[in-house]
Amino acid sequence: MTGPATTPEPAAHQNIDTSVPHSARTWNYWLGGKDNDPVDEEAGDAYTAVFPGIVTIARSSSGAVPYNLRTVKEITAFFDGLELVEPGVVPVTQWRPEPGSPTPEIIAAHGGLARKP
C-alpha cells in the first residue's frame, strides 16, 4: 500500500533519536536487516553476549520461511541434462509475458522451463 497515508511526513523523522538503541532496530539487526544504526548493533551484540540464543529465537519467531538466494548460474545448473525452453532462465516476469503487460524494474526470482531431450 502506498500513498499519503503510509508515507511519513519529513517532520516525523525529527522525533527519532538514532543515538539511543531501539528494540525494533535491534531486532532488525538480528534478522540481518539494514534498517538499524551502529548503536542498535552494539546493543544487539551486548544482548547476544549475555544470551547467545537470542538471535536464533529472533529468526525462528520472525515467521519468515528460510530460503537461499541463488545466482542465475546456480539456477541454470538445475536444468543440466535438460533442454531449456526459450527464453531460458530469466526473471520470472520476463518469461513469456503477456503483450503489453508491465514488467517490474526489480525482480528477485529467476526461473525457467525445460524438457527431456
PDB file of N, CA and C in Angstrom:
ATOM      1  N   MET A   1       0.846  -1.168   0.000  1.00  0.00           N
ATOM      2  CA  MET A   1       0.000   0.000   0.000  1.00  0.00           C
ATOM      3  C   MET A   1       0.891   1.230   0.000  1.00  0.00           C
ATOM      4  N   THR A   2       0.600   2.137  -0.861  1.00  0.00           N
ATOM      5  CA  THR A   2       1.389   3.359  -0.930  1.00  0.00           C
ATOM      6  C   THR A   2       0.459   4.552  -0.896  1.00  0.00           C
ATOM      7  N   GLY A   3       1.034   5.707  -0.793  1.00  0.00           N
ATOM      8  CA  GLY A   3       0.229   6.916  -0.803  1.00  0.00           C
ATOM      9  C   GLY A   3       0.463   7.734   0.442  1.00  0.00           C
ATOM     10  N   PRO A   4      -0.236   8.832   0.557  1.00  0.00           N
ATOM     11  CA  PRO A   4      -0.028   9.746   1.679  1.00  0.00           C
ATOM     12  C   PRO A   4      -0.265   9.101   3.040  1.00  0.00           C
ATOM     13  N   ALA A   5      -1.187   8.141   3.121  1.00  0.00           N
ATOM     14  CA  ALA A   5      -1.494   7.534   4.415  1.00  0.00           C
ATOM     15  C   ALA A   5      -0.332   6.707   4.952  1.00  0.00           C
ATOM     16  N   THR A   6       0.543   6.204   4.083  1.00  0.00           N
ATOM     17  CA  THR A   6       1.638   5.349   4.534  1.00  0.00           C
ATOM     18  C   THR A   6       2.996   6.025   4.453  1.00  0.00           C
ATOM     19  N   THR A   7       3.053   7.223   3.954  1.00  0.00           N
ATOM     20  CA  THR A   7       4.318   7.944   3.828  1.00  0.00           C
ATOM     21  C   THR A   7       4.436   8.951   4.964  1.00  0.00           C
ATOM     22  N   PRO A   8       5.420   8.759   5.872  1.00  0.00           N
ATOM     23  CA  PRO A   8       5.539   9.691   6.989  1.00  0.00           C
ATOM     24  C   PRO A   8       5.975  11.079   6.531  1.00  0.00           C
ATOM     25  N   GLU A   9       5.516  12.044   7.237  1.00  0.00           N
ATOM     26  CA  GLU A   9       5.927  13.422   6.977  1.00  0.00           C
ATOM     27  C   GLU A   9       7.409  13.562   7.322  1.00  0.00           C
ATOM     28  N   PRO A  10       8.153  14.422   6.633  1.00  0.00           N
ATOM     29  CA  PRO A  10       9.567  14.627   6.959  1.00  0.00           C
ATOM     30  C   PRO A  10       9.775  14.998   8.427  1.00  0.00           C
ATOM     31  N   ALA A  11       8.833  15.716   9.016  1.00  0.00           N
ATOM     32  CA  ALA A  11       8.967  16.120  10.421  1.00  0.00           C
ATOM     33  C   ALA A  11       8.950  14.920  11.356  1.00  0.00           C
ATOM     34  N   ALA A  12       8.360  13.792  10.920  1.00  0.00           N
ATOM     35  CA  ALA A  12       8.298  12.605  11.774  1.00  0.00           C
ATOM     36  C   ALA A  12       9.692  12.084  12.089  1.00  0.00           C
ATOM     37  N   HIS A  13      10.610  12.233  11.168  1.00  0.00           N
ATOM     38  CA  HIS A  13      11.971  11.746  11.378  1.00  0.00           C
ATOM     39  C   HIS A  13      12.720  12.554  12.437  1.00  0.00           C
ATOM     40  N   GLN A  14      12.275  13.753  12.697  1.00  0.00           N
ATOM     41  CA  GLN A  14      12.929  14.584  13.712  1.00  0.00           C
ATOM     42  C   GLN A  14      12.733  14.013  15.108  1.00  0.00           C
ATOM     43  N   ASN A  15      11.721  13.178  15.301  1.00  0.00           N
ATOM     44  CA  ASN A  15      11.429  12.609  16.612  1.00  0.00           C
ATOM     45  C   ASN A  15      12.135  11.282  16.853  1.00  0.00           C
ATOM     46  N   ILE A  16      12.906  10.814  15.901  1.00  0.00           N
ATOM     47  CA  ILE A  16      13.612   9.541  16.044  1.00  0.00           C
ATOM     48  C   ILE A  16      15.033   9.821  16.497  1.00  0.00           C
ATOM     49  N   ASP A  17      15.365   9.318  17.675  1.00  0.00           N
ATOM     50  CA  ASP A  17      16.702   9.523  18.236  1.00  0.00           C
ATOM     51  C   ASP A  17      17.555   8.301  17.921  1.00  0.00           C
ATOM     52  N   THR A  18      18.391   8.391  16.903  1.00  0.00           N
ATOM     53  CA  THR A  18      19.222   7.258  16.498  1.00  0.00           C
ATOM     54  C   THR A  18      20.481   7.113  17.336  1.00  0.00           C
ATOM     55  N   SER A  19      20.648   7.972  18.350  1.00  0.00           N
ATOM     56  CA  SER A  19      21.795   7.824  19.251  1.00  0.00           C
ATOM     57  C   SER A  19      21.464   6.880  20.404  1.00  0.00           C
ATOM     58  N   VAL A  20      20.201   6.475  20.500  1.00  0.00           N
ATOM     59  CA  VAL A  20      19.739   5.575  21.558  1.00  0.00           C
ATOM     60  C   VAL A  20      19.241   4.299  20.885  1.00  0.00           C
ATOM     61  N   PRO A  21      19.657   3.114  21.379  1.00  0.00           N
ATOM     62  CA  PRO A  21      19.188   1.886  20.743  1.00  0.00           C
ATOM     63  C   PRO A  21      17.671   1.739  20.880  1.00  0.00           C
ATOM     64  N   HIS A  22      17.078   1.128  19.886  1.00  0.00           N
ATOM     65  CA  HIS A  22      15.644   0.869  19.903  1.00  0.00           C
ATOM     66  C   HIS A  22      15.425  -0.617  19.639  1.00  0.00           C
ATOM     67  N   SER A  23      14.477  -1.212  20.335  1.00  0.00           N
ATOM     68  CA  SER A  23      14.259  -2.654  20.230  1.00  0.00           C
ATOM     69  C   SER A  23      13.920  -3.092  18.796  1.00  0.00           C
ATOM     70  N   ALA A  24      13.137  -2.305  18.072  1.00  0.00           N
ATOM     71  CA  ALA A  24      12.772  -2.688  16.700  1.00  0.00           C
ATOM     72  C   ALA A  24      13.992  -2.696  15.782  1.00  0.00           C
ATOM     73  N   ARG A  25      14.865  -1.710  15.945  1.00  0.00           N
ATOM     74  CA  ARG A  25      16.064  -1.660  15.098  1.00  0.00           C
ATOM     75  C   ARG A  25      17.059  -2.740  15.517  1.00  0.00           C
ATOM     76  N   THR A  26      17.118  -3.049  16.811  1.00  0.00           N
ATOM     77  CA  THR A  26      17.992  -4.130  17.279  1.00  0.00           C
ATOM     78  C   THR A  26      17.503  -5.456  16.710  1.00  0.00           C
ATOM     79  N   TRP A  27      16.193  -5.662  16.752  1.00  0.00           N
ATOM     80  CA  TRP A  27      15.588  -6.868  16.181  1.00  0.00           C
ATOM     81  C   TRP A  27      15.920  -6.945  14.698  1.00  0.00           C
ATOM     82  N   ASN A  28      15.824  -5.827  13.992  1.00  0.00           N
ATOM     83  CA  ASN A  28      16.152  -5.756  12.575  1.00  0.00           C
ATOM     84  C   ASN A  28      17.601  -6.175  12.339  1.00  0.00           C
ATOM     85  N   TYR A  29      18.493  -5.746  13.214  1.00  0.00           N
ATOM     86  CA  TYR A  29      19.910  -6.119  13.120  1.00  0.00           C
ATOM     87  C   TYR A  29      20.065  -7.630  13.261  1.00  0.00           C
ATOM     88  N   TRP A  30      19.387  -8.226  14.240  1.00  0.00           N
ATOM     89  CA  TRP A  30      19.486  -9.674  14.442  1.00  0.00           C
ATOM     90  C   TRP A  30      18.968 -10.446  13.241  1.00  0.00           C
ATOM     91  N   LEU A  31      17.989  -9.890  12.553  1.00  0.00           N
ATOM     92  CA  LEU A  31      17.412 -10.572  11.396  1.00  0.00           C
ATOM     93  C   LEU A  31      18.195 -10.315  10.111  1.00  0.00           C
ATOM     94  N   GLY A  32      19.297  -9.551  10.221  1.00  0.00           N
ATOM     95  CA  GLY A  32      20.132  -9.289   9.054  1.00  0.00           C
ATOM     96  C   GLY A  32      19.643  -8.141   8.200  1.00  0.00           C
ATOM     97  N   GLY A  33      18.775  -7.302   8.761  1.00  0.00           N
ATOM     98  CA  GLY A  33      18.236  -6.172   8.019  1.00  0.00           C
ATOM     99  C   GLY A  33      19.217  -5.019   7.916  1.00  0.00           C
ATOM    100  N   LYS A  34      18.799  -3.986   7.221  1.00  0.00           N
ATOM    101  CA  LYS A  34      19.651  -2.814   7.016  1.00  0.00           C
ATOM    102  C   LYS A  34      19.101  -1.576   7.712  1.00  0.00           C
ATOM    103  N   ASP A  35      17.949  -1.690   8.338  1.00  0.00           N
ATOM    104  CA  ASP A  35      17.310  -0.528   8.960  1.00  0.00           C
ATOM    105  C   ASP A  35      17.661  -0.435  10.441  1.00  0.00           C
ATOM    106  N   ASN A  36      18.943  -0.296  10.712  1.00  0.00           N
ATOM    107  CA  ASN A  36      19.416  -0.153  12.084  1.00  0.00           C
ATOM    108  C   ASN A  36      20.648   0.741  12.072  1.00  0.00           C
ATOM    109  N   ASP A  37      21.054   1.145  13.253  1.00  0.00           N
ATOM    110  CA  ASP A  37      22.189   2.052  13.392  1.00  0.00           C
ATOM    111  C   ASP A  37      23.274   1.376  14.227  1.00  0.00           C
ATOM    112  N   PRO A  38      24.505   1.910  14.205  1.00  0.00           N
ATOM    113  CA  PRO A  38      25.588   1.303  14.985  1.00  0.00           C
ATOM    114  C   PRO A  38      25.229   1.102  16.456  1.00  0.00           C
ATOM    115  N   VAL A  39      24.489   2.027  17.043  1.00  0.00           N
ATOM    116  CA  VAL A  39      24.118   1.890  18.451  1.00  0.00           C
ATOM    117  C   VAL A  39      23.186   0.686  18.654  1.00  0.00           C
ATOM    118  N   ASP A  40      22.354   0.380  17.660  1.00  0.00           N
ATOM    119  CA  ASP A  40      21.478  -0.792  17.737  1.00  0.00           C
ATOM    120  C   ASP A  40      22.293  -2.075  17.616  1.00  0.00           C
ATOM    121  N   GLU A  41      23.313  -2.054  16.759  1.00  0.00           N
ATOM    122  CA  GLU A  41      24.191  -3.212  16.613  1.00  0.00           C
ATOM    123  C   GLU A  41      24.967  -3.462  17.902  1.00  0.00           C
ATOM    124  N   GLU A  42      25.451  -2.391  18.521  1.00  0.00           N
ATOM    125  CA  GLU A  42      26.171  -2.529  19.795  1.00  0.00           C
ATOM    126  C   GLU A  42      25.260  -3.131  20.859  1.00  0.00           C
ATOM    127  N   ALA A  43      24.034  -2.640  20.943  1.00  0.00           N
ATOM    128  CA  ALA A  43      23.086  -3.180  21.922  1.00  0.00           C
ATOM    129  C   ALA A  43      22.780  -4.640  21.608  1.00  0.00           C
ATOM    130  N   GLY A  44      22.570  -4.947  20.327  1.00  0.00           N
ATOM    131  CA  GLY A  44      22.290  -6.321  19.935  1.00  0.00           C
ATOM    132  C   GLY A  44      23.429  -7.257  20.278  1.00  0.00           C
ATOM    133  N   ASP A  45      24.659  -6.811  20.055  1.00  0.00           N
ATOM    134  CA  ASP A  45      25.823  -7.628  20.402  1.00  0.00           C
ATOM    135  C   ASP A  45      25.942  -7.813  21.910  1.00  0.00           C
ATOM    136  N   ALA A  46      25.597  -6.771  22.684  1.00  0.00           N
ATOM    137  CA  ALA A  46      25.643  -6.872  24.150  1.00  0.00           C
ATOM    138  C   ALA A  46      24.605  -7.883  24.640  1.00  0.00           C
ATOM    139  N   TYR A  47      23.394  -7.841  24.080  1.00  0.00           N
ATOM    140  CA  TYR A  47      22.362  -8.814  24.459  1.00  0.00           C
ATOM    141  C   TYR A  47      22.804 -10.221  24.087  1.00  0.00           C
ATOM    142  N   THR A  48      23.415 -10.354  22.912  1.00  0.00           N
ATOM    143  CA  THR A  48      23.854 -11.660  22.438  1.00  0.00           C
ATOM    144  C   THR A  48      24.949 -12.236  23.334  1.00  0.00           C
ATOM    145  N   ALA A  49      25.806 -11.375  23.872  1.00  0.00           N
ATOM    146  CA  ALA A  49      26.867 -11.839  24.772  1.00  0.00           C
ATOM    147  C   ALA A  49      26.274 -12.442  26.044  1.00  0.00           C
ATOM    148  N   VAL A  50      25.163 -11.886  26.504  1.00  0.00           N
ATOM    149  CA  VAL A  50      24.513 -12.384  27.723  1.00  0.00           C
ATOM    150  C   VAL A  50      23.626 -13.586  27.410  1.00  0.00           C
ATOM    151  N   PHE A  51      22.953 -13.542  26.279  1.00  0.00           N
ATOM    152  CA  PHE A  51      22.005 -14.583  25.897  1.00  0.00           C
ATOM    153  C   PHE A  51      22.265 -14.987  24.444  1.00  0.00           C
ATOM    154  N   PRO A  52      23.244 -15.900  24.224  1.00  0.00           N
ATOM    155  CA  PRO A  52      23.664 -16.240  22.865  1.00  0.00           C
ATOM    156  C   PRO A  52      22.549 -16.772  21.956  1.00  0.00           C
ATOM    157  N   GLY A  53      21.525 -17.349  22.512  1.00  0.00           N
ATOM    158  CA  GLY A  53      20.461 -17.919  21.692  1.00  0.00           C
ATOM    159  C   GLY A  53      19.444 -16.915  21.185  1.00  0.00           C
ATOM    160  N   ILE A  54      19.593 -15.655  21.555  1.00  0.00           N
ATOM    161  CA  ILE A  54      18.562 -14.672  21.212  1.00  0.00           C
ATOM    162  C   ILE A  54      18.430 -14.446  19.707  1.00  0.00           C
ATOM    163  N   VAL A  55      19.521 -14.533  18.970  1.00  0.00           N
ATOM    164  CA  VAL A  55      19.445 -14.335  17.516  1.00  0.00           C
ATOM    165  C   VAL A  55      18.674 -15.487  16.877  1.00  0.00           C
ATOM    166  N   THR A  56      18.937 -16.701  17.324  1.00  0.00           N
ATOM    167  CA  THR A  56      18.205 -17.859  16.807  1.00  0.00           C
ATOM    168  C   THR A  56      16.719 -17.734  17.109  1.00  0.00           C
ATOM    169  N   ILE A  57      16.396 -17.301  18.315  1.00  0.00           N
ATOM    170  CA  ILE A  57      14.992 -17.111  18.694  1.00  0.00           C
ATOM    171  C   ILE A  57      14.355 -16.027  17.831  1.00  0.00           C
ATOM    172  N   ALA A  58      15.068 -14.925  17.633  1.00  0.00           N
ATOM    173  CA  ALA A  58      14.530 -13.831  16.815  1.00  0.00           C
ATOM    174  C   ALA A  58      14.248 -14.309  15.396  1.00  0.00           C
ATOM    175  N   ARG A  59      15.169 -15.066  14.841  1.00  0.00           N
ATOM    176  CA  ARG A  59      14.986 -15.533  13.465  1.00  0.00           C
ATOM    177  C   ARG A  59      13.874 -16.566  13.358  1.00  0.00           C
ATOM    178  N   SER A  60      13.781 -17.461  14.343  1.00  0.00           N
ATOM    179  CA  SER A  60      12.751 -18.501  14.262  1.00  0.00           C
ATOM    180  C   SER A  60      11.363 -17.958  14.553  1.00  0.00           C
ATOM    181  N   SER A  61      11.271 -16.868  15.292  1.00  0.00           N
ATOM    182  CA  SER A  61       9.949 -16.322  15.607  1.00  0.00           C
ATOM    183  C   SER A  61       9.524 -15.221  14.643  1.00  0.00           C
ATOM    184  N   SER A  62      10.343 -14.947  13.642  1.00  0.00           N
ATOM    185  CA  SER A  62      10.003 -13.875  12.702  1.00  0.00           C
ATOM    186  C   SER A  62       8.886 -14.285  11.756  1.00  0.00           C
ATOM    187  N   GLY A  63       8.633 -15.583  11.648  1.00  0.00           N
ATOM    188  CA  GLY A  63       7.595 -16.054  10.746  1.00  0.00           C
ATOM    189  C   GLY A  63       8.073 -16.199   9.313  1.00  0.00           C
ATOM    190  N   ALA A  64       9.302 -15.830   9.055  1.00  0.00           N
ATOM    191  CA  ALA A  64       9.831 -15.917   7.699  1.00  0.00           C
ATOM    192  C   ALA A  64      10.263 -17.350   7.397  1.00  0.00           C
ATOM    193  N   VAL A  65      10.031 -17.768   6.190  1.00  0.00           N
ATOM    194  CA  VAL A  65      10.478 -19.079   5.747  1.00  0.00           C
ATOM    195  C   VAL A  65      11.921 -18.932   5.294  1.00  0.00           C
ATOM    196  N   PRO A  66      12.829 -19.748   5.852  1.00  0.00           N
ATOM    197  CA  PRO A  66      14.228 -19.618   5.429  1.00  0.00           C
ATOM    198  C   PRO A  66      14.385 -19.977   3.947  1.00  0.00           C
ATOM    199  N   TYR A  67      15.235 -19.259   3.266  1.00  0.00           N
ATOM    200  CA  TYR A  67      15.488 -19.531   1.859  1.00  0.00           C
ATOM    201  C   TYR A  67      16.910 -19.122   1.525  1.00  0.00           C
ATOM    202  N   ASN A  68      17.406 -19.679   0.433  1.00  0.00           N
ATOM    203  CA  ASN A  68      18.747 -19.358  -0.042  1.00  0.00           C
ATOM    204  C   ASN A  68      18.637 -18.724  -1.419  1.00  0.00           C
ATOM    205  N   LEU A  69      19.152 -17.524  -1.550  1.00  0.00           N
ATOM    206  CA  LEU A  69      19.188 -16.887  -2.860  1.00  0.00           C
ATOM    207  C   LEU A  69      20.241 -17.576  -3.713  1.00  0.00           C
ATOM    208  N   ARG A  70      19.943 -17.753  -4.980  1.00  0.00           N
ATOM    209  CA  ARG A  70      20.877 -18.402  -5.890  1.00  0.00           C
ATOM    210  C   ARG A  70      21.156 -17.483  -7.077  1.00  0.00           C
ATOM    211  N   THR A  71      22.338 -17.638  -7.632  1.00  0.00           N
ATOM    212  CA  THR A  71      22.694 -16.867  -8.824  1.00  0.00           C
ATOM    213  C   THR A  71      22.010 -17.496 -10.039  1.00  0.00           C
ATOM    214  N   VAL A  72      21.987 -16.764 -11.139  1.00  0.00           N
ATOM    215  CA  VAL A  72      21.415 -17.303 -12.377  1.00  0.00           C
ATOM    216  C   VAL A  72      22.182 -18.557 -12.791  1.00  0.00           C
ATOM    217  N   LYS A  73      23.492 -18.540 -12.611  1.00  0.00           N
ATOM    218  CA  LYS A  73      24.316 -19.707 -12.956  1.00  0.00           C
ATOM    219  C   LYS A  73      23.906 -20.927 -12.120  1.00  0.00           C
ATOM    220  N   GLU A  74      23.649 -20.719 -10.827  1.00  0.00           N
ATOM    221  CA  GLU A  74      23.233 -21.829  -9.963  1.00  0.00           C
ATOM    222  C   GLU A  74      21.848 -22.349 -10.353  1.00  0.00           C
ATOM    223  N   ILE A  75      20.947 -21.445 -10.706  1.00  0.00           N
ATOM    224  CA  ILE A  75      19.609 -21.868 -11.125  1.00  0.00           C
ATOM    225  C   ILE A  75      19.695 -22.640 -12.435  1.00  0.00           C
ATOM    226  N   THR A  76      20.506 -22.151 -13.362  1.00  0.00           N
ATOM    227  CA  THR A  76      20.673 -22.818 -14.653  1.00  0.00           C
ATOM    228  C   THR A  76      21.208 -24.233 -14.463  1.00  0.00           C
ATOM    229  N   ALA A  77      22.039 -24.449 -13.456  1.00  0.00           N
ATOM    230  CA  ALA A  77      22.604 -25.775 -13.196  1.00  0.00           C
ATOM    231  C   ALA A  77      21.520 -26.806 -12.872  1.00  0.00           C
ATOM    232  N   PHE A  78      20.368 -26.372 -12.346  1.00  0.00           N
ATOM    233  CA  PHE A  78      19.272 -27.305 -12.073  1.00  0.00           C
ATOM    234  C   PHE A  78      18.741 -27.931 -13.365  1.00  0.00           C
ATOM    235  N   PHE A  79      18.991 -27.292 -14.480  1.00  0.00           N
ATOM    236  CA  PHE A  79      18.480 -27.757 -15.764  1.00  0.00           C
ATOM    237  C   PHE A  79      19.499 -28.593 -16.533  1.00  0.00           C
ATOM    238  N   ASP A  80      20.643 -28.923 -15.913  1.00  0.00           N
ATOM    239  CA  ASP A  80      21.653 -29.742 -16.585  1.00  0.00           C
ATOM    240  C   ASP A  80      21.031 -31.044 -17.077  1.00  0.00           C
ATOM    241  N   GLY A  81      21.324 -31.402 -18.325  1.00  0.00           N
ATOM    242  CA  GLY A  81      20.801 -32.624 -18.920  1.00  0.00           C
ATOM    243  C   GLY A  81      19.420 -32.455 -19.528  1.00  0.00           C
ATOM    244  N   LEU A  82      18.848 -31.274 -19.406  1.00  0.00           N
ATOM    245  CA  LEU A  82      17.530 -30.996 -19.971  1.00  0.00           C
ATOM    246  C   LEU A  82      17.653 -29.950 -21.069  1.00  0.00           C
ATOM    247  N   GLU A  83      16.628 -29.844 -21.878  1.00  0.00           N
ATOM    248  CA  GLU A  83      16.607 -28.856 -22.955  1.00  0.00           C
ATOM    249  C   GLU A  83      15.779 -27.658 -22.488  1.00  0.00           C
ATOM    250  N   LEU A  84      16.454 -26.527 -22.280  1.00  0.00           N
ATOM    251  CA  LEU A  84      15.753 -25.321 -21.834  1.00  0.00           C
ATOM    252  C   LEU A  84      14.840 -24.798 -22.933  1.00  0.00           C
ATOM    253  N   VAL A  85      13.626 -24.446 -22.565  1.00  0.00           N
ATOM    254  CA  VAL A  85      12.676 -23.831 -23.490  1.00  0.00           C
ATOM    255  C   VAL A  85      12.976 -22.342 -23.511  1.00  0.00           C
ATOM    256  N   GLU A  86      12.884 -21.724 -24.702  1.00  0.00           N
ATOM    257  CA  GLU A  86      13.128 -20.279 -24.809  1.00  0.00           C
ATOM    258  C   GLU A  86      12.123 -19.515 -23.966  1.00  0.00           C
ATOM    259  N   PRO A  87      12.530 -18.487 -23.282  1.00  0.00           N
ATOM    260  CA  PRO A  87      13.764 -17.729 -23.395  1.00  0.00           C
ATOM    261  C   PRO A  87      14.858 -18.180 -22.436  1.00  0.00           C
ATOM    262  N   GLY A  88      14.742 -19.373 -21.843  1.00  0.00           N
ATOM    263  CA  GLY A  88      15.775 -19.853 -20.934  1.00  0.00           C
ATOM    264  C   GLY A  88      15.519 -19.411 -19.509  1.00  0.00           C
ATOM    265  N   VAL A  89      16.591 -19.262 -18.750  1.00  0.00           N
ATOM    266  CA  VAL A  89      16.489 -18.820 -17.355  1.00  0.00           C
ATOM    267  C   VAL A  89      16.522 -17.298 -17.347  1.00  0.00           C
ATOM    268  N   VAL A  90      15.407 -16.713 -16.964  1.00  0.00           N
ATOM    269  CA  VAL A  90      15.236 -15.258 -16.977  1.00  0.00           C
ATOM    270  C   VAL A  90      14.434 -14.856 -15.740  1.00  0.00           C
ATOM    271  N   PRO A  91      14.372 -13.550 -15.422  1.00  0.00           N
ATOM    272  CA  PRO A  91      13.468 -13.122 -14.350  1.00  0.00           C
ATOM    273  C   PRO A  91      12.052 -13.623 -14.670  1.00  0.00           C
ATOM    274  N   VAL A  92      11.359 -14.165 -13.679  1.00  0.00           N
ATOM    275  CA  VAL A  92      10.073 -14.818 -13.949  1.00  0.00           C
ATOM    276  C   VAL A  92       9.063 -13.907 -14.628  1.00  0.00           C
ATOM    277  N   THR A  93       9.130 -12.614 -14.396  1.00  0.00           N
ATOM    278  CA  THR A  93       8.188 -11.710 -15.054  1.00  0.00           C
ATOM    279  C   THR A  93       8.495 -11.532 -16.533  1.00  0.00           C
ATOM    280  N   GLN A  94       9.688 -11.959 -16.963  1.00  0.00           N
ATOM    281  CA  GLN A  94      10.068 -11.828 -18.370  1.00  0.00           C
ATOM    282  C   GLN A  94       9.938 -13.146 -19.128  1.00  0.00           C
ATOM    283  N   TRP A  95       9.455 -14.182 -18.449  1.00  0.00           N
ATOM    284  CA  TRP A  95       9.301 -15.464 -19.117  1.00  0.00           C
ATOM    285  C   TRP A  95       7.957 -15.470 -19.815  1.00  0.00           C
ATOM    286  N   ARG A  96       7.988 -15.203 -21.096  1.00  0.00           N
ATOM    287  CA  ARG A  96       6.798 -15.168 -21.946  1.00  0.00           C
ATOM    288  C   ARG A  96       5.683 -14.296 -21.356  1.00  0.00           C
ATOM    289  N   PRO A  97       5.964 -13.020 -21.134  1.00  0.00           N
ATOM    290  CA  PRO A  97       4.925 -12.139 -20.582  1.00  0.00           C
ATOM    291  C   PRO A  97       3.827 -11.872 -21.609  1.00  0.00           C
ATOM    292  N   GLU A  98       2.653 -11.565 -21.110  1.00  0.00           N
ATOM    293  CA  GLU A  98       1.544 -11.175 -21.986  1.00  0.00           C
ATOM    294  C   GLU A  98       1.931  -9.895 -22.713  1.00  0.00           C
ATOM    295  N   PRO A  99       1.548  -9.740 -23.969  1.00  0.00           N
ATOM    296  CA  PRO A  99       1.857  -8.494 -24.686  1.00  0.00           C
ATOM    297  C   PRO A  99       1.275  -7.287 -23.944  1.00  0.00           C
ATOM    298  N   GLY A 100       2.105  -6.268 -23.768  1.00  0.00           N
ATOM    299  CA  GLY A 100       1.670  -5.046 -23.105  1.00  0.00           C
ATOM    300  C   GLY A 100       1.640  -5.109 -21.593  1.00  0.00           C
ATOM    301  N   SER A 101       2.025  -6.255 -21.004  1.00  0.00           N
ATOM    302  CA  SER A 101       1.993  -6.337 -19.543  1.00  0.00           C
ATOM    303  C   SER A 101       3.174  -5.575 -18.957  1.00  0.00           C
ATOM    304  N   PRO A 102       2.951  -4.899 -17.835  1.00  0.00           N
ATOM    305  CA  PRO A 102       4.052  -4.146 -17.226  1.00  0.00           C
ATOM    306  C   PRO A 102       5.081  -5.095 -16.626  1.00  0.00           C
ATOM    307  N   THR A 103       6.327  -4.719 -16.696  1.00  0.00           N
ATOM    308  CA  THR A 103       7.407  -5.509 -16.117  1.00  0.00           C
ATOM    309  C   THR A 103       8.031  -4.711 -14.985  1.00  0.00           C
ATOM    310  N   PRO A 104       8.061  -5.278 -13.777  1.00  0.00           N
ATOM    311  CA  PRO A 104       8.694  -4.553 -12.674  1.00  0.00           C
ATOM    312  C   PRO A 104      10.171  -4.301 -12.959  1.00  0.00           C
ATOM    313  N   GLU A 105      10.664  -3.206 -12.434  1.00  0.00           N
ATOM    314  CA  GLU A 105      12.081  -2.880 -12.631  1.00  0.00           C
ATOM    315  C   GLU A 105      12.979  -3.827 -11.851  1.00  0.00           C
ATOM    316  N   ILE A 106      12.530  -4.248 -10.688  1.00  0.00           N
ATOM    317  CA  ILE A 106      13.341  -5.113  -9.842  1.00  0.00           C
ATOM    318  C   ILE A 106      12.603  -6.429  -9.646  1.00  0.00           C
ATOM    319  N   ILE A 107      13.312  -7.532  -9.856  1.00  0.00           N
ATOM    320  CA  ILE A 107      12.722  -8.846  -9.632  1.00  0.00           C
ATOM    321  C   ILE A 107      13.753  -9.708  -8.931  1.00  0.00           C
ATOM    322  N   ALA A 108      13.313 -10.431  -7.925  1.00  0.00           N
ATOM    323  CA  ALA A 108      14.245 -11.222  -7.133  1.00  0.00           C
ATOM    324  C   ALA A 108      14.203 -12.701  -7.485  1.00  0.00           C
ATOM    325  N   ALA A 109      13.351 -13.096  -8.434  1.00  0.00           N
ATOM    326  CA  ALA A 109      13.205 -14.516  -8.737  1.00  0.00           C
ATOM    327  C   ALA A 109      13.468 -14.785 -10.214  1.00  0.00           C
ATOM    328  N   HIS A 110      14.278 -15.790 -10.460  1.00  0.00           N
ATOM    329  CA  HIS A 110      14.543 -16.240 -11.825  1.00  0.00           C
ATOM    330  C   HIS A 110      13.950 -17.636 -11.972  1.00  0.00           C
ATOM    331  N   GLY A 111      13.598 -17.987 -13.171  1.00  0.00           N
ATOM    332  CA  GLY A 111      13.044 -19.305 -13.412  1.00  0.00           C
ATOM    333  C   GLY A 111      13.193 -19.700 -14.862  1.00  0.00           C
ATOM    334  N   GLY A 112      12.815 -20.916 -15.137  1.00  0.00           N
ATOM    335  CA  GLY A 112      12.888 -21.424 -16.491  1.00  0.00           C
ATOM    336  C   GLY A 112      12.032 -22.663 -16.619  1.00  0.00           C
ATOM    337  N   LEU A 113      11.940 -23.153 -17.819  1.00  0.00           N
ATOM    338  CA  LEU A 113      11.189 -24.363 -18.108  1.00  0.00           C
ATOM    339  C   LEU A 113      12.049 -25.201 -19.030  1.00  0.00           C
ATOM    340  N   ALA A 114      12.063 -26.512 -18.781  1.00  0.00           N
ATOM    341  CA  ALA A 114      12.885 -27.397 -19.605  1.00  0.00           C
ATOM    342  C   ALA A 114      12.124 -28.684 -19.871  1.00  0.00           C
ATOM    343  N   ARG A 115      12.601 -29.417 -20.862  1.00  0.00           N
ATOM    344  CA  ARG A 115      12.015 -30.720 -21.174  1.00  0.00           C
ATOM    345  C   ARG A 115      13.142 -31.718 -21.393  1.00  0.00           C
ATOM    346  N   LYS A 116      12.784 -32.996 -21.254  1.00  0.00           N
ATOM    347  CA  LYS A 116      13.773 -34.034 -21.514  1.00  0.00           C
ATOM    348  C   LYS A 116      14.047 -34.066 -23.007  1.00  0.00           C
ATOM    349  N   PRO A 117      15.326 -34.184 -23.394  1.00  0.00           N
ATOM    350  CA  PRO A 117      15.651 -34.223 -24.835  1.00  0.00           C
ATOM    351  C   PRO A 117      15.153 -35.506 -25.490  1.00  0.00           C
TER     352      PRO A 117
END
